[in-house]
Amino acid sequence: MHISEPYKLIILFSVLILSCFSSELLSMNKKSGGTSRKFIWKIAWSTRPVKSKDEIKQRISQAKAIGFNAIALPGIQKRWSDEIVSVGKEKHIEVYYVIFPHSGVSQKYEPHEYNLLPNSQHGGEPLPEDIGKVIDKKPKPFPCFIREEAVLSAQKDVDFAIKKGYTGIAFDLFGYDNFHGCYCASCNKARKKYLQEHPGMDKKEADHRFSEECIIKFYTKVISYAKSINPEIKTTCHIYPAFLPNILYGNHLPVDYCGQTAAWFFKPYWDLNKIKKYSEIIVKNEAAYHSNSIGVAMVGFYKNVWGETGKSPQRLKNEVETIKKAGVKGIMISELSSILSCPEIIQVLKNELK
């Protein structure tokens, strides 16, 4: 079949347009965390103290150099907020203020739980053989957050963060020491009412649903308050301690970047198949309840903390690559000072976060 010159030109021009359009789509897909398998949001969690303004600048600069584009520094945030915010703007890295609610009442366990052993994984998911036998024992249990003073306390933290100019607020150390619920007088009263309002529900299921909804309501109140003052403020969290009735419940929370554990700190390190499974759930369900929420996989790395000697560079590389291949768009890594003490770990993360 003979094709005239004008038609050849039209066909060639059409092919060029389609080629450019396809390239643009691929570029957009990469930016949105699609098939490129690149993280679009990367936060470092830094908990160690500093002694000077210069150390703050150095630490944030180091996080940026590794490839992080966000950072939380809960151990120093109250004292050094002005410096943290200033350096964050200078280095073009988001800074998050971590919310720590207070209450006049501490969480209470079920009576038999006071005799349980401490969890070897601390607040992380207990080993399978330890479930029901351990709790996250602390010198002082977490506060009960069902009470109004806990909400007001968190709102004061929000006021402070907004006043100082933080990019966003973060939630951590927020859950149940026994991994399933609080049994103080206030919670028991509210739980009884919940059971009465759900007569057809299995008692154990209702107990778990009540505990989960208490967490969701707290987040919703605090975040709604924050957004009412500054609609542009960003929100993130790390689901901790683990909530055993629904281990990956984080997508129920109205946060912009929802951090859920995909690879915990301590030995025995999680099997890569488990990391893959959790990562796939994080990305698959990220917007099931909140359309703008991005799922974030949390990876733990400690060096000389609580007896942890640190994962090998190859081990950490395998964990991060497994998460990336699952298509997760965000990653949260703790702890930054431990990372900075290991040049080989720094190099692994530079390669994986770029």
Protein backbone atom coordinates (compact mmCIF):
# COMPACT_ATOMS: atom_id res chain seq x y z
CA MET A 1 0.00 0.00 0.00
CA HIS A 2 1.41 3.38 -1.01
CA ILE A 3 1.27 6.19 1.59
CA SER A 4 1.62 9.69 0.27
CA GLU A 5 4.21 12.06 1.75
CA PRO A 6 1.65 14.29 3.56
CA TYR A 7 0.15 11.25 5.32
CA LYS A 8 3.62 10.02 6.26
CA LEU A 9 4.27 13.35 7.94
CA ILE A 10 0.95 13.19 9.80
CA ILE A 11 1.72 9.65 11.03
CA LEU A 12 5.23 10.63 12.09
CA PHE A 13 3.92 13.70 13.93
CA SER A 14 1.26 11.60 15.70
CA VAL A 15 3.86 9.07 16.84
CA LEU A 16 6.03 11.86 18.24
CA ILE A 17 3.08 13.34 20.16
CA LEU A 18 2.13 9.94 21.61
CA SER A 19 5.74 9.31 22.58
CA CYS A 20 5.98 12.63 24.43
CA PHE A 21 2.60 12.05 26.09
CA SER A 22 3.65 8.57 27.25
CA SER A 23 6.90 9.96 28.65
CA GLU A 24 4.98 12.63 30.54
CA LEU A 25 2.61 10.03 31.98
CA LEU A 26 5.57 7.94 33.11
CA SER A 27 7.13 10.99 34.72
CA MET A 28 3.87 11.82 36.51
CA ASN A 29 3.57 8.22 37.66
CA LYS A 30 7.05 8.34 39.12
CA LYS A 31 6.33 11.57 40.97
CA SER A 32 3.20 10.06 42.46
CA GLY A 33 5.01 6.99 43.74
CA GLY A 34 3.64 4.67 41.05
CA THR A 35 5.65 2.04 39.17
CA SER A 36 8.87 3.96 39.75
CA ARG A 37 9.05 2.37 43.21
CA LYS A 38 10.45 5.55 44.69
CA PHE A 39 9.42 6.97 48.03
CA ILE A 40 7.82 10.40 47.75
CA TRP A 41 7.83 11.13 51.50
CA LYS A 42 10.74 10.11 53.74
CA ILE A 43 10.89 11.03 57.43
CA ALA A 44 13.71 10.47 59.89
CA TRP A 45 12.87 10.07 63.57
CA SER A 46 15.62 11.46 65.82
CA THR A 47 15.29 10.93 69.58
CA ARG A 48 18.79 11.60 70.96
CA PRO A 49 19.60 14.90 72.74
CA VAL A 50 21.81 17.68 71.38
CA LYS A 51 23.92 20.24 73.22
CA SER A 52 23.97 23.22 70.86
CA LYS A 53 22.35 25.00 67.92
CA ASP A 54 25.21 23.83 65.73
CA GLU A 55 24.39 20.20 66.53
CA ILE A 56 20.78 20.77 65.50
CA LYS A 57 21.85 22.20 62.17
CA GLN A 58 24.30 19.36 61.67
CA ARG A 59 21.74 16.67 62.45
CA ILE A 60 19.05 18.09 60.16
CA SER A 61 21.63 18.67 57.42
CA GLN A 62 22.79 15.07 57.73
CA ALA A 63 19.22 13.80 57.44
CA LYS A 64 18.75 15.87 54.30
CA ALA A 65 22.03 14.60 52.83
CA ILE A 66 20.95 10.98 53.35
CA GLY A 67 17.77 11.64 51.38
CA PHE A 68 15.10 12.37 53.97
CA ASN A 69 12.67 15.21 53.21
CA ALA A 70 11.06 15.33 56.66
CA ILE A 71 12.23 14.98 60.26
CA ALA A 72 10.84 14.72 63.80
CA LEU A 73 13.03 15.46 66.82
CA PRO A 74 10.85 14.71 69.85
CA GLY A 75 13.70 14.61 72.36
CA ILE A 76 14.73 18.22 71.77
CA GLN A 77 11.70 19.88 70.20
CA LYS A 78 10.46 21.86 73.19
CA ARG A 79 13.76 23.56 73.98
CA TRP A 80 15.07 24.04 70.44
CA SER A 81 11.90 24.70 68.40
CA ASP A 82 13.00 28.03 66.94
CA GLU A 83 16.26 26.51 65.73
CA ILE A 84 14.56 23.38 64.35
CA VAL A 85 12.03 25.41 62.35
CA SER A 86 14.69 27.83 61.10
CA VAL A 87 17.03 25.09 59.90
CA GLY A 88 14.13 23.18 58.37
CA LYS A 89 13.27 26.19 56.21
CA GLU A 90 16.92 26.77 55.31
CA LYS A 91 17.47 23.14 54.29
CA HIS A 92 14.03 22.71 52.67
CA ILE A 93 13.08 19.80 54.89
CA GLU A 94 9.71 19.40 56.63
CA VAL A 95 9.79 19.51 60.45
CA TYR A 96 7.18 17.80 62.64
CA TYR A 97 6.30 18.47 66.27
CA VAL A 98 5.43 15.30 68.18
CA ILE A 99 2.27 15.40 70.30
CA PHE A 100 2.52 13.97 73.82
CA PRO A 101 -0.89 14.13 75.55
CA HIS A 102 -1.11 14.18 79.34
CA SER A 103 -3.91 13.05 81.62
CA GLY A 104 -4.51 12.93 85.35
CA VAL A 105 -5.29 9.22 85.04
CA SER A 106 -2.94 6.50 83.82
CA GLN A 107 -4.14 3.52 81.81
CA LYS A 108 -5.25 0.48 83.78
CA TYR A 109 -4.87 -3.15 82.72
CA GLU A 110 -7.19 -6.07 83.25
CA PRO A 111 -6.47 -7.56 86.72
CA HIS A 112 -4.58 -10.64 85.51
CA GLU A 113 -2.36 -8.56 83.22
CA TYR A 114 -0.40 -7.03 86.09
CA ASN A 115 1.29 -10.42 86.51
CA LEU A 116 2.34 -10.73 82.85
CA LEU A 117 5.96 -10.48 81.76
CA PRO A 118 7.53 -7.48 79.97
CA ASN A 119 7.42 -7.71 76.19
CA SER A 120 10.84 -8.45 74.64
CA GLN A 121 9.77 -6.26 71.71
CA HIS A 122 8.83 -3.41 74.05
CA GLY A 123 5.78 -1.71 72.50
CA GLY A 124 6.18 -3.53 69.21
CA GLU A 125 4.19 -6.56 68.10
CA PRO A 126 4.98 -9.39 70.55
CA LEU A 127 6.54 -12.60 69.28
CA PRO A 128 3.82 -15.12 68.28
CA GLU A 129 4.59 -17.37 71.24
CA ASP A 130 4.35 -14.40 73.65
CA ILE A 131 0.93 -13.07 72.66
CA GLY A 132 -1.32 -13.08 75.72
CA LYS A 133 1.66 -13.58 78.02
CA VAL A 134 3.34 -10.14 77.88
CA ILE A 135 2.57 -6.44 78.07
CA ASP A 136 4.66 -3.33 77.49
CA LYS A 137 5.53 -2.67 81.13
CA LYS A 138 6.77 0.83 81.93
CA PRO A 139 7.66 2.66 85.16
CA LYS A 140 4.59 4.78 84.45
CA PRO A 141 1.82 3.57 82.10
CA PHE A 142 0.57 5.74 79.25
CA PRO A 143 -2.13 8.30 80.12
CA CYS A 144 -5.76 7.48 79.51
CA PHE A 145 -6.70 9.48 76.42
CA ILE A 146 -10.47 9.03 76.63
CA ARG A 147 -10.52 11.83 79.19
CA GLU A 148 -11.09 15.42 78.11
CA GLU A 149 -7.87 16.70 79.70
CA ALA A 150 -5.86 14.46 77.36
CA VAL A 151 -7.49 16.10 74.34
CA LEU A 152 -6.94 19.59 75.77
CA SER A 153 -3.31 18.72 76.49
CA ALA A 154 -2.79 17.60 72.90
CA GLN A 155 -4.47 20.75 71.61
CA LYS A 156 -1.99 22.85 73.61
CA ASP A 157 0.81 21.01 71.83
CA VAL A 158 -0.89 21.82 68.53
CA ASP A 159 -1.09 25.51 69.48
CA PHE A 160 2.62 25.50 70.28
CA ALA A 161 3.57 23.75 67.02
CA ILE A 162 1.53 26.15 64.89
CA LYS A 163 2.83 29.20 66.74
CA LYS A 164 6.44 28.08 66.19
CA GLY A 165 5.88 27.41 62.50
CA TYR A 166 6.30 23.64 62.27
CA THR A 167 5.35 22.00 58.99
CA GLY A 168 3.16 19.53 60.81
CA ILE A 169 2.33 17.54 63.90
CA ALA A 170 3.12 13.89 64.63
CA PHE A 171 1.66 11.27 66.98
CA ASP A 172 3.75 8.56 68.64
CA LEU A 173 3.75 6.55 71.89
CA PHE A 174 -0.01 6.60 71.62
CA GLY A 175 -1.90 3.38 72.23
CA TYR A 176 -2.38 0.70 74.88
CA ASP A 177 0.39 -0.76 77.04
CA ASN A 178 -1.40 -4.12 77.08
CA PHE A 179 -1.95 -3.96 73.28
CA HIS A 180 -5.75 -3.94 73.39
CA GLY A 181 -7.43 -1.49 75.81
CA CYS A 182 -7.59 0.63 78.95
CA TYR A 183 -9.67 -0.47 81.94
CA CYS A 184 -9.71 2.61 84.14
CA ALA A 185 -13.02 3.76 85.66
CA SER A 186 -13.71 6.23 82.83
CA CYS A 187 -13.06 3.66 80.13
CA ASN A 188 -15.07 0.96 81.88
CA LYS A 189 -18.04 3.29 82.15
CA ALA A 190 -17.81 4.23 78.46
CA ARG A 191 -17.22 0.58 77.51
CA LYS A 192 -20.38 -0.51 79.35
CA LYS A 193 -22.39 2.08 77.43
CA TYR A 194 -20.84 0.92 74.15
CA LEU A 195 -21.81 -2.68 74.87
CA GLN A 196 -25.37 -1.61 75.62
CA GLU A 197 -25.52 0.28 72.32
CA HIS A 198 -24.31 -2.79 70.38
CA PRO A 199 -26.41 -5.65 71.83
CA GLY A 200 -25.87 -8.00 68.89
CA MET A 201 -22.11 -7.75 68.90
CA ASP A 202 -19.88 -10.38 70.45
CA LYS A 203 -18.60 -9.06 73.78
CA LYS A 204 -14.93 -9.53 72.91
CA GLU A 205 -15.37 -7.94 69.50
CA ALA A 206 -17.25 -5.03 71.06
CA ASP A 207 -14.44 -4.58 73.60
CA HIS A 208 -11.87 -4.40 70.79
CA ARG A 209 -13.99 -2.13 68.63
CA PHE A 210 -14.51 0.23 71.55
CA SER A 211 -10.77 0.44 72.19
CA GLU A 212 -10.03 1.09 68.52
CA GLU A 213 -12.74 3.73 68.22
CA CYS A 214 -11.36 5.54 71.28
CA ILE A 215 -8.04 5.96 69.46
CA ILE A 216 -9.75 7.08 66.24
CA LYS A 217 -11.89 9.64 68.10
CA PHE A 218 -8.85 11.10 69.85
CA TYR A 219 -6.95 11.53 66.59
CA THR A 220 -10.02 13.01 64.90
CA LYS A 221 -10.58 15.59 67.64
CA VAL A 222 -6.94 16.72 67.75
CA ILE A 223 -6.44 16.81 63.98
CA SER A 224 -9.76 18.59 63.37
CA TYR A 225 -8.67 21.19 65.90
CA ALA A 226 -5.28 21.60 64.19
CA LYS A 227 -6.82 21.93 60.71
CA SER A 228 -9.36 24.47 61.99
CA ILE A 229 -6.50 26.74 63.02
CA ASN A 230 -4.19 26.04 60.10
CA PRO A 231 -5.75 24.07 57.20
CA GLU A 232 -2.30 23.65 55.64
CA ILE A 233 -0.70 21.90 58.61
CA LYS A 234 0.39 18.35 57.82
CA THR A 235 -0.10 15.32 60.02
CA THR A 236 1.69 12.03 60.52
CA CYS A 237 1.84 9.24 63.09
CA HIS A 238 3.57 6.06 64.08
CA ILE A 239 1.17 3.36 65.29
CA TYR A 240 2.72 2.41 68.63
CA PRO A 241 2.26 0.43 70.79
CA ALA A 242 0.92 -2.33 68.58
CA PHE A 243 -2.85 -2.90 68.68
CA LEU A 244 -3.27 -6.66 68.46
CA PRO A 245 -7.01 -6.82 67.62
CA ASN A 246 -6.32 -4.92 64.37
CA ILE A 247 -2.58 -4.68 63.81
CA LEU A 248 -2.78 -2.37 60.76
CA TYR A 249 -5.70 -0.15 61.76
CA GLY A 250 -3.85 3.07 60.91
CA ASN A 251 -5.75 3.75 57.69
CA HIS A 252 -8.79 4.54 59.87
CA LEU A 253 -6.97 7.61 61.20
CA PRO A 254 -7.37 10.98 59.45
CA VAL A 255 -3.64 11.60 59.00
CA ASP A 256 -1.83 12.73 55.85
CA TYR A 257 1.07 10.29 56.25
CA CYS A 258 0.14 7.21 58.27
CA GLY A 259 3.19 5.38 59.63
CA GLN A 260 2.68 1.69 60.39
CA THR A 261 5.42 -0.73 61.35
CA ALA A 262 6.71 -2.87 58.49
CA ALA A 263 10.08 -3.91 60.01
CA TRP A 264 10.64 -3.67 63.76
CA PHE A 265 13.85 -2.85 65.66
CA PHE A 266 14.64 -6.00 67.58
CA LYS A 267 15.70 -9.58 67.02
CA PRO A 268 14.43 -11.89 65.80
CA TYR A 269 14.13 -9.59 62.78
CA TRP A 270 10.93 -9.93 60.83
CA ASP A 271 10.81 -12.39 57.98
CA LEU A 272 10.91 -10.60 54.61
CA ASN A 273 7.63 -12.27 53.64
CA LYS A 274 5.98 -10.65 56.65
CA ILE A 275 7.49 -7.28 55.70
CA LYS A 276 6.17 -7.76 52.16
CA LYS A 277 2.70 -8.71 53.42
CA TYR A 278 2.43 -5.73 55.78
CA SER A 279 3.79 -3.33 53.14
CA GLU A 280 1.27 -4.51 50.56
CA ILE A 281 -1.58 -4.00 53.03
CA ILE A 282 -0.28 -0.52 53.91
CA VAL A 283 -0.31 0.62 50.29
CA LYS A 284 -3.46 -1.23 49.25
CA ASN A 285 -5.60 0.17 52.08
CA GLU A 286 -3.99 3.58 52.51
CA ALA A 287 -6.98 5.58 51.21
CA ALA A 288 -9.80 3.20 52.17
CA TYR A 289 -11.25 5.65 54.71
CA HIS A 290 -9.42 8.92 53.98
CA SER A 291 -8.85 9.64 50.30
CA ASN A 292 -5.83 11.89 50.76
CA SER A 293 -3.94 9.68 53.20
CA ILE A 294 -0.61 8.17 52.13
CA GLY A 295 0.55 4.90 53.65
CA VAL A 296 3.98 5.01 55.27
CA ALA A 297 6.08 1.99 56.27
CA MET A 298 8.04 2.35 59.51
CA VAL A 299 11.46 0.70 59.74
CA GLY A 300 13.31 0.41 63.03
CA PHE A 301 17.09 0.67 63.34
CA TYR A 302 18.82 0.91 66.72
CA LYS A 303 22.52 0.73 67.47
CA ASN A 304 23.52 0.15 71.10
CA VAL A 305 20.01 0.87 72.37
CA TRP A 306 18.21 -1.62 74.65
CA GLY A 307 20.85 -4.18 73.83
CA GLU A 308 20.26 -3.96 70.09
CA THR A 309 23.57 -4.16 68.18
CA GLY A 310 22.08 -2.97 64.89
CA LYS A 311 20.99 -4.60 61.65
CA SER A 312 23.65 -5.31 59.05
CA PRO A 313 23.74 -3.04 55.98
CA GLN A 314 22.52 -5.92 53.80
CA ARG A 315 19.67 -6.68 56.20
CA LEU A 316 18.46 -3.06 56.20
CA LYS A 317 18.82 -2.89 52.42
CA ASN A 318 16.66 -6.00 52.04
CA GLU A 319 13.98 -4.56 54.30
CA VAL A 320 13.80 -1.21 52.52
CA GLU A 321 13.87 -2.81 49.07
CA THR A 322 11.04 -5.16 50.05
CA ILE A 323 8.94 -2.20 51.17
CA LYS A 324 9.77 -0.24 48.02
CA LYS A 325 8.89 -3.14 45.71
CA ALA A 326 5.48 -3.36 47.39
CA GLY A 327 4.77 0.15 46.11
CA VAL A 328 4.65 1.96 49.46
CA LYS A 329 4.94 5.71 48.84
CA GLY A 330 6.29 6.81 52.22
CA ILE A 331 8.94 5.55 54.62
CA MET A 332 9.64 6.40 58.27
CA ILE A 333 12.95 5.35 59.80
CA SER A 334 13.98 5.56 63.43
CA GLU A 335 16.47 6.23 64.84
CA LEU A 336 18.61 8.89 63.12
CA SER A 337 21.50 9.02 65.60
CA SER A 338 21.92 5.26 65.32
CA ILE A 339 22.01 5.61 61.54
CA LEU A 340 24.60 8.38 61.71
CA SER A 341 26.92 6.17 63.79
CA CYS A 342 27.18 3.64 60.92
CA PRO A 343 28.77 4.86 57.65
CA GLU A 344 27.70 1.70 55.77
CA ILE A 345 24.08 2.16 56.86
CA ILE A 346 24.21 5.79 55.71
CA GLN A 347 25.35 4.65 52.27
CA VAL A 348 22.59 2.04 52.04
CA LEU A 349 19.94 4.66 52.79
CA LYS A 350 21.45 7.20 50.40
CA ASN A 351 21.06 4.65 47.65
CA GLU A 352 17.55 3.55 48.63
CA LEU A 353 16.07 7.00 49.32
CA LYS A 354 17.28 8.83 46.22
